[in-house]
Amino acid sequence: MEIPSKVSVFNRTLEIKGKAGTLVAINDFGFYEVVLEVQQRNHTVLFPINETVVIFNEAVAAIPSDFEVER
């Protein structure tokens, strides 16, 4: 995962469902730092990690079929 990266953001508190943004940092205080366009201007928004889903727009390469997860 590279930062900065284009992402889709989901957050119930702000009623954001798949809004496009740029993840610029994950800080030590438990927040995603995301740049979002709001009213035709870019704003930095801090989203709490435990209340926010961030999906990276760039897909991950296929996982090899012999990949095993240790449980």
C-alpha atoms as a PDB file:
ATOM      1  CA  MET A   1       0.000   0.000   0.000  1.00  0.00           C
ATOM      2  CA  GLU A   2       1.456   3.300  -1.068  1.00  0.00           C
ATOM      3  CA  ILE A   3       0.622   6.656   0.453  1.00  0.00           C
ATOM      4  CA  PRO A   4      -0.616   8.970  -0.985  1.00  0.00           C
ATOM      5  CA  SER A   5      -3.180   6.787  -2.704  1.00  0.00           C
ATOM      6  CA  LYS A   6      -6.599   7.240  -4.324  1.00  0.00           C
ATOM      7  CA  VAL A   7      -9.329   5.707  -2.142  1.00  0.00           C
ATOM      8  CA  SER A   8     -13.076   5.441  -1.644  1.00  0.00           C
ATOM      9  CA  VAL A   9     -14.224   6.439   1.853  1.00  0.00           C
ATOM     10  CA  PHE A  10     -17.220   5.150   3.827  1.00  0.00           C
ATOM     11  CA  ASN A  11     -18.226   6.726   7.158  1.00  0.00           C
ATOM     12  CA  ARG A  12     -21.655   6.478   8.841  1.00  0.00           C
ATOM     13  CA  THR A  13     -21.240   9.524  11.078  1.00  0.00           C
ATOM     14  CA  LEU A  14     -20.790  11.847   8.103  1.00  0.00           C
ATOM     15  CA  GLU A  15     -23.067   9.737   5.869  1.00  0.00           C
ATOM     16  CA  ILE A  16     -20.270   9.306   3.335  1.00  0.00           C
ATOM     17  CA  LYS A  17     -20.737   6.329   1.020  1.00  0.00           C
ATOM     18  CA  GLY A  18     -17.888   5.712  -1.401  1.00  0.00           C
ATOM     19  CA  LYS A  19     -16.671   9.306  -1.734  1.00  0.00           C
ATOM     20  CA  ALA A  20     -13.469   9.602  -3.745  1.00  0.00           C
ATOM     21  CA  GLY A  21     -10.468  10.989  -1.909  1.00  0.00           C
ATOM     22  CA  THR A  22      -6.717  10.749  -1.442  1.00  0.00           C
ATOM     23  CA  LEU A  23      -5.315   9.013   1.622  1.00  0.00           C
ATOM     24  CA  VAL A  24      -2.268  11.057   2.618  1.00  0.00           C
ATOM     25  CA  ALA A  25      -1.455   9.599   6.058  1.00  0.00           C
ATOM     26  CA  ILE A  26      -2.422   7.226   8.832  1.00  0.00           C
ATOM     27  CA  ASN A  27      -1.469   9.016  12.008  1.00  0.00           C
ATOM     28  CA  ASP A  28      -0.440   7.670  15.424  1.00  0.00           C
ATOM     29  CA  PHE A  29      -3.589   9.063  17.078  1.00  0.00           C
ATOM     30  CA  GLY A  30      -5.923   6.651  15.258  1.00  0.00           C
ATOM     31  CA  PHE A  31      -7.050   8.708  12.271  1.00  0.00           C
ATOM     32  CA  TYR A  32      -6.902   8.425   8.499  1.00  0.00           C
ATOM     33  CA  GLU A  33      -5.893  11.753   6.961  1.00  0.00           C
ATOM     34  CA  VAL A  34      -7.816  12.056   3.697  1.00  0.00           C
ATOM     35  CA  VAL A  35      -8.106  14.916   1.213  1.00  0.00           C
ATOM     36  CA  LEU A  36     -11.708  15.207  -0.032  1.00  0.00           C
ATOM     37  CA  GLU A  37     -13.390  17.601  -2.409  1.00  0.00           C
ATOM     38  CA  VAL A  38     -16.153  19.457  -0.554  1.00  0.00           C
ATOM     39  CA  GLN A  39     -18.070  22.233  -2.359  1.00  0.00           C
ATOM     40  CA  GLN A  40     -15.524  22.347  -5.212  1.00  0.00           C
ATOM     41  CA  ARG A  41     -12.575  22.782  -2.812  1.00  0.00           C
ATOM     42  CA  ASN A  42     -10.092  20.276  -1.383  1.00  0.00           C
ATOM     43  CA  HIS A  43     -10.175  19.816   2.384  1.00  0.00           C
ATOM     44  CA  THR A  44      -8.156  17.632   4.726  1.00  0.00           C
ATOM     45  CA  VAL A  45     -10.460  15.430   6.813  1.00  0.00           C
ATOM     46  CA  LEU A  46      -9.443  13.256   9.775  1.00  0.00           C
ATOM     47  CA  PHE A  47     -11.517  10.075   9.921  1.00  0.00           C
ATOM     48  CA  PRO A  48     -11.353   7.824  13.007  1.00  0.00           C
ATOM     49  CA  ILE A  49      -9.969   4.457  11.925  1.00  0.00           C
ATOM     50  CA  ASN A  50     -12.481   2.451  13.992  1.00  0.00           C
ATOM     51  CA  GLU A  51     -15.490   4.157  12.306  1.00  0.00           C
ATOM     52  CA  THR A  52     -14.229   4.376   8.714  1.00  0.00           C
ATOM     53  CA  VAL A  53     -13.739   2.012   5.793  1.00  0.00           C
ATOM     54  CA  VAL A  54     -11.107   2.947   3.220  1.00  0.00           C
ATOM     55  CA  ILE A  55     -10.950   1.008  -0.053  1.00  0.00           C
ATOM     56  CA  PHE A  56      -7.921   1.540  -2.267  1.00  0.00           C
ATOM     57  CA  ASN A  57      -8.878   2.161  -5.897  1.00  0.00           C
ATOM     58  CA  GLU A  58      -5.932   0.212  -7.276  1.00  0.00           C
ATOM     59  CA  ALA A  59      -6.579  -3.515  -7.183  1.00  0.00           C
ATOM     60  CA  VAL A  60      -4.100  -5.939  -5.651  1.00  0.00           C
ATOM     61  CA  ALA A  61      -2.359  -8.443  -7.911  1.00  0.00           C
ATOM     62  CA  ALA A  62      -3.772 -11.963  -7.832  1.00  0.00           C
ATOM     63  CA  ILE A  63      -2.770 -14.065  -4.828  1.00  0.00           C
ATOM     64  CA  PRO A  64      -0.892 -17.258  -5.787  1.00  0.00           C
ATOM     65  CA  SER A  65      -2.993 -20.442  -5.471  1.00  0.00           C
ATOM     66  CA  ASP A  66      -0.428 -22.044  -3.134  1.00  0.00           C
ATOM     67  CA  PHE A  67      -0.742 -19.157  -0.624  1.00  0.00           C
ATOM     68  CA  GLU A  68      -1.643 -20.429   2.869  1.00  0.00           C
ATOM     69  CA  VAL A  69      -2.816 -18.525   5.921  1.00  0.00           C
ATOM     70  CA  GLU A  70      -1.459 -19.741   9.243  1.00  0.00           C
ATOM     71  CA  ARG A  71      -4.207 -19.955  11.866  1.00  0.00           C
END
